[in-house]
Amino acid sequence: MNSTALWNEQLSVGVEEIDEEHRELLFLMRRLELAMDQDNPSTEIHLILNSLADHALTHFSTEESHFLETGYPKADFHAQEHRRFERKINRFKKAFASGNVQIADGMFHLVRDWLTQHIEGDDQEFAAFLANRQQL
């Protein structure tokens, strides 16, 4: 597997609460990746996957609260992207639970790539919005 992105300051959106949640999500993705690479017991992988899903839901709620507080104009689109991720992670959980390793491995890549691209893309748009707002 290709390595999951690690946190760096270029991923910061300038809101410590969101940045901390991003760090945790990337850490959990990395833990999941290592567990799958090392053929860890399915119970461990299942626990990490559930933790990742739970953290994602909490994080999305946090971000969406910040969108409302700041009047972020792309809030609806961004929230739709969050729902898209939720569907992906739920499909991944089902594939893993069914024991279909090939589907689970493919779903891992979809989830990992979506999360990385979302933080590097959509969340950076929010960071730019916040930075512009502070300059006014």
C-alpha atoms as a PDB file:
ATOM      1  CA  MET A   1       0.000   0.000   0.000  1.00  0.00           C
ATOM      2  CA  ASN A   2       1.053   3.566  -0.541  1.00  0.00           C
ATOM      3  CA  SER A   3       1.660   5.359   2.689  1.00  0.00           C
ATOM      4  CA  THR A   4      -1.069   7.477   4.186  1.00  0.00           C
ATOM      5  CA  ALA A   5      -0.255  11.171   4.343  1.00  0.00           C
ATOM      6  CA  LEU A   6       1.214  12.317   7.619  1.00  0.00           C
ATOM      7  CA  TRP A   7       0.352  15.593   9.281  1.00  0.00           C
ATOM      8  CA  ASN A   8       2.346  18.665   8.388  1.00  0.00           C
ATOM      9  CA  GLU A   9       1.696  22.341   8.985  1.00  0.00           C
ATOM     10  CA  GLN A  10       0.718  22.908   5.340  1.00  0.00           C
ATOM     11  CA  LEU A  11      -2.454  20.925   6.132  1.00  0.00           C
ATOM     12  CA  SER A  12      -3.431  23.350   8.899  1.00  0.00           C
ATOM     13  CA  VAL A  13      -6.694  25.231   8.483  1.00  0.00           C
ATOM     14  CA  GLY A  14      -5.776  27.636  11.284  1.00  0.00           C
ATOM     15  CA  VAL A  15      -8.374  26.288  13.727  1.00  0.00           C
ATOM     16  CA  GLU A  16      -6.638  24.186  16.375  1.00  0.00           C
ATOM     17  CA  GLU A  17      -9.705  22.039  17.075  1.00  0.00           C
ATOM     18  CA  ILE A  18     -10.002  21.073  13.396  1.00  0.00           C
ATOM     19  CA  ASP A  19      -6.250  20.615  12.983  1.00  0.00           C
ATOM     20  CA  GLU A  20      -6.143  18.290  16.001  1.00  0.00           C
ATOM     21  CA  GLU A  21      -8.988  16.225  14.564  1.00  0.00           C
ATOM     22  CA  HIS A  22      -7.193  16.042  11.208  1.00  0.00           C
ATOM     23  CA  ARG A  23      -4.054  14.798  12.982  1.00  0.00           C
ATOM     24  CA  GLU A  24      -6.103  12.117  14.728  1.00  0.00           C
ATOM     25  CA  LEU A  25      -7.847  11.030  11.510  1.00  0.00           C
ATOM     26  CA  LEU A  26      -4.536  10.733   9.656  1.00  0.00           C
ATOM     27  CA  PHE A  27      -3.033   8.842  12.604  1.00  0.00           C
ATOM     28  CA  LEU A  28      -5.945   6.379  12.594  1.00  0.00           C
ATOM     29  CA  MET A  29      -5.681   5.950   8.813  1.00  0.00           C
ATOM     30  CA  ARG A  30      -1.989   5.168   9.237  1.00  0.00           C
ATOM     31  CA  ARG A  31      -2.733   2.690  12.047  1.00  0.00           C
ATOM     32  CA  LEU A  32      -5.328   1.005   9.857  1.00  0.00           C
ATOM     33  CA  GLU A  33      -2.930   0.853   6.939  1.00  0.00           C
ATOM     34  CA  LEU A  34      -0.201  -0.743   9.080  1.00  0.00           C
ATOM     35  CA  ALA A  35      -2.635  -3.209  10.631  1.00  0.00           C
ATOM     36  CA  MET A  36      -3.827  -4.301   7.190  1.00  0.00           C
ATOM     37  CA  ASP A  37      -0.266  -4.505   5.810  1.00  0.00           C
ATOM     38  CA  GLN A  38       0.829  -6.668   8.731  1.00  0.00           C
ATOM     39  CA  ASP A  39      -2.211  -8.951   8.487  1.00  0.00           C
ATOM     40  CA  ASN A  40      -3.212  -8.122  12.057  1.00  0.00           C
ATOM     41  CA  PRO A  41      -6.207  -9.961  13.500  1.00  0.00           C
ATOM     42  CA  SER A  42      -9.488  -8.818  12.055  1.00  0.00           C
ATOM     43  CA  THR A  43     -10.721  -7.778  15.511  1.00  0.00           C
ATOM     44  CA  GLU A  44      -7.919  -5.196  15.783  1.00  0.00           C
ATOM     45  CA  ILE A  45      -8.585  -3.888  12.276  1.00  0.00           C
ATOM     46  CA  HIS A  46     -12.295  -3.736  13.047  1.00  0.00           C
ATOM     47  CA  LEU A  47     -11.632  -1.670  16.207  1.00  0.00           C
ATOM     48  CA  ILE A  48      -9.401   0.777  14.322  1.00  0.00           C
ATOM     49  CA  LEU A  49     -11.946   1.064  11.507  1.00  0.00           C
ATOM     50  CA  ASN A  50     -14.774   1.784  13.955  1.00  0.00           C
ATOM     51  CA  SER A  51     -12.626   4.357  15.728  1.00  0.00           C
ATOM     52  CA  LEU A  52     -11.839   6.014  12.397  1.00  0.00           C
ATOM     53  CA  ALA A  53     -15.542   6.148  11.490  1.00  0.00           C
ATOM     54  CA  ASP A  54     -16.472   7.578  14.906  1.00  0.00           C
ATOM     55  CA  HIS A  55     -13.715  10.211  14.746  1.00  0.00           C
ATOM     56  CA  ALA A  56     -14.781  11.173  11.225  1.00  0.00           C
ATOM     57  CA  LEU A  57     -18.380  11.764  12.334  1.00  0.00           C
ATOM     58  CA  THR A  58     -17.228  13.886  15.267  1.00  0.00           C
ATOM     59  CA  HIS A  59     -14.856  15.813  13.030  1.00  0.00           C
ATOM     60  CA  PHE A  60     -17.494  16.487  10.386  1.00  0.00           C
ATOM     61  CA  SER A  61     -19.817  17.841  13.050  1.00  0.00           C
ATOM     62  CA  THR A  62     -17.029  20.112  14.317  1.00  0.00           C
ATOM     63  CA  GLU A  63     -16.245  21.427  10.847  1.00  0.00           C
ATOM     64  CA  GLU A  64     -19.880  21.981   9.975  1.00  0.00           C
ATOM     65  CA  SER A  65     -20.380  23.953  13.205  1.00  0.00           C
ATOM     66  CA  HIS A  66     -17.455  26.174  12.216  1.00  0.00           C
ATOM     67  CA  PHE A  67     -18.988  26.631   8.759  1.00  0.00           C
ATOM     68  CA  LEU A  68     -22.205  27.909  10.308  1.00  0.00           C
ATOM     69  CA  GLU A  69     -20.383  30.169  12.765  1.00  0.00           C
ATOM     70  CA  THR A  70     -18.292  31.759  10.027  1.00  0.00           C
ATOM     71  CA  GLY A  71     -20.877  31.915   7.237  1.00  0.00           C
ATOM     72  CA  TYR A  72     -18.744  29.736   4.968  1.00  0.00           C
ATOM     73  CA  PRO A  73     -20.335  30.003   1.499  1.00  0.00           C
ATOM     74  CA  LYS A  74     -19.383  26.446   0.465  1.00  0.00           C
ATOM     75  CA  ALA A  75     -20.807  24.868   3.630  1.00  0.00           C
ATOM     76  CA  ASP A  76     -23.498  22.860   1.801  1.00  0.00           C
ATOM     77  CA  PHE A  77     -21.075  21.436  -0.745  1.00  0.00           C
ATOM     78  CA  HIS A  78     -18.541  20.620   1.956  1.00  0.00           C
ATOM     79  CA  ALA A  79     -21.198  18.890   4.076  1.00  0.00           C
ATOM     80  CA  GLN A  80     -22.229  16.834   1.035  1.00  0.00           C
ATOM     81  CA  GLU A  81     -18.610  15.735   0.705  1.00  0.00           C
ATOM     82  CA  HIS A  82     -18.687  14.647   4.342  1.00  0.00           C
ATOM     83  CA  ARG A  83     -21.786  12.533   3.675  1.00  0.00           C
ATOM     84  CA  ARG A  84     -19.946  11.004   0.699  1.00  0.00           C
ATOM     85  CA  PHE A  85     -17.085   9.968   2.976  1.00  0.00           C
ATOM     86  CA  GLU A  86     -19.529   8.497   5.489  1.00  0.00           C
ATOM     87  CA  ARG A  87     -20.994   6.317   2.732  1.00  0.00           C
ATOM     88  CA  LYS A  88     -17.509   5.215   1.661  1.00  0.00           C
ATOM     89  CA  ILE A  89     -16.417   4.267   5.170  1.00  0.00           C
ATOM     90  CA  ASN A  90     -19.662   2.383   5.757  1.00  0.00           C
ATOM     91  CA  ARG A  91     -19.128   0.389   2.540  1.00  0.00           C
ATOM     92  CA  PHE A  92     -15.570  -0.303   3.676  1.00  0.00           C
ATOM     93  CA  LYS A  93     -16.809  -1.554   7.058  1.00  0.00           C
ATOM     94  CA  LYS A  94     -19.339  -3.845   5.357  1.00  0.00           C
ATOM     95  CA  ALA A  95     -16.740  -5.198   2.921  1.00  0.00           C
ATOM     96  CA  PHE A  96     -14.328  -5.868   5.756  1.00  0.00           C
ATOM     97  CA  ALA A  97     -17.011  -7.504   7.917  1.00  0.00           C
ATOM     98  CA  SER A  98     -17.966  -9.785   5.012  1.00  0.00           C
ATOM     99  CA  GLY A  99     -14.387 -11.063   4.886  1.00  0.00           C
ATOM    100  CA  ASN A 100     -13.810  -9.992   1.302  1.00  0.00           C
ATOM    101  CA  VAL A 101     -10.173  -8.905   1.612  1.00  0.00           C
ATOM    102  CA  GLN A 102      -9.831  -7.684  -1.972  1.00  0.00           C
ATOM    103  CA  ILE A 103     -12.869  -5.418  -1.690  1.00  0.00           C
ATOM    104  CA  ALA A 104     -11.750  -4.245   1.758  1.00  0.00           C
ATOM    105  CA  ASP A 105      -8.278  -3.439   0.420  1.00  0.00           C
ATOM    106  CA  GLY A 106      -9.755  -1.498  -2.495  1.00  0.00           C
ATOM    107  CA  MET A 107     -12.132   0.344  -0.184  1.00  0.00           C
ATOM    108  CA  PHE A 108      -9.214   1.243   2.089  1.00  0.00           C
ATOM    109  CA  HIS A 109      -7.551   2.988  -0.847  1.00  0.00           C
ATOM    110  CA  LEU A 110     -10.744   4.887  -1.698  1.00  0.00           C
ATOM    111  CA  VAL A 111     -11.194   6.024   1.903  1.00  0.00           C
ATOM    112  CA  ARG A 112      -7.530   6.962   2.322  1.00  0.00           C
ATOM    113  CA  ASP A 113      -7.385   8.870  -0.944  1.00  0.00           C
ATOM    114  CA  TRP A 114     -10.660  10.689  -0.276  1.00  0.00           C
ATOM    115  CA  LEU A 115      -9.571  11.770   3.210  1.00  0.00           C
ATOM    116  CA  THR A 116      -6.160  12.972   2.045  1.00  0.00           C
ATOM    117  CA  GLN A 117      -7.576  14.858  -0.947  1.00  0.00           C
ATOM    118  CA  HIS A 118     -10.338  16.355   1.183  1.00  0.00           C
ATOM    119  CA  ILE A 119      -7.913  17.749   3.771  1.00  0.00           C
ATOM    120  CA  GLU A 120      -5.520  18.985   1.077  1.00  0.00           C
ATOM    121  CA  GLY A 121      -8.292  20.433  -1.104  1.00  0.00           C
ATOM    122  CA  ASP A 122     -11.708  21.263   0.369  1.00  0.00           C
ATOM    123  CA  ASP A 123     -10.405  21.952   3.868  1.00  0.00           C
ATOM    124  CA  GLN A 124      -7.690  24.211   2.497  1.00  0.00           C
ATOM    125  CA  GLU A 125     -10.404  26.224   0.727  1.00  0.00           C
ATOM    126  CA  PHE A 126     -12.009  26.703   4.128  1.00  0.00           C
ATOM    127  CA  ALA A 127      -8.611  27.761   5.526  1.00  0.00           C
ATOM    128  CA  ALA A 128      -8.267  30.354   2.742  1.00  0.00           C
ATOM    129  CA  PHE A 129     -11.776  31.629   3.487  1.00  0.00           C
ATOM    130  CA  LEU A 130     -10.877  32.021   7.157  1.00  0.00           C
ATOM    131  CA  ALA A 131      -7.598  33.767   6.334  1.00  0.00           C
ATOM    132  CA  ASN A 132      -9.370  36.233   3.992  1.00  0.00           C
ATOM    133  CA  ARG A 133     -12.071  36.837   6.567  1.00  0.00           C
ATOM    134  CA  GLN A 134      -9.491  37.706   9.227  1.00  0.00           C
ATOM    135  CA  GLN A 135      -7.862  40.246   6.922  1.00  0.00           C
ATOM    136  CA  LEU A 136     -11.093  42.210   6.561  1.00  0.00           C
END
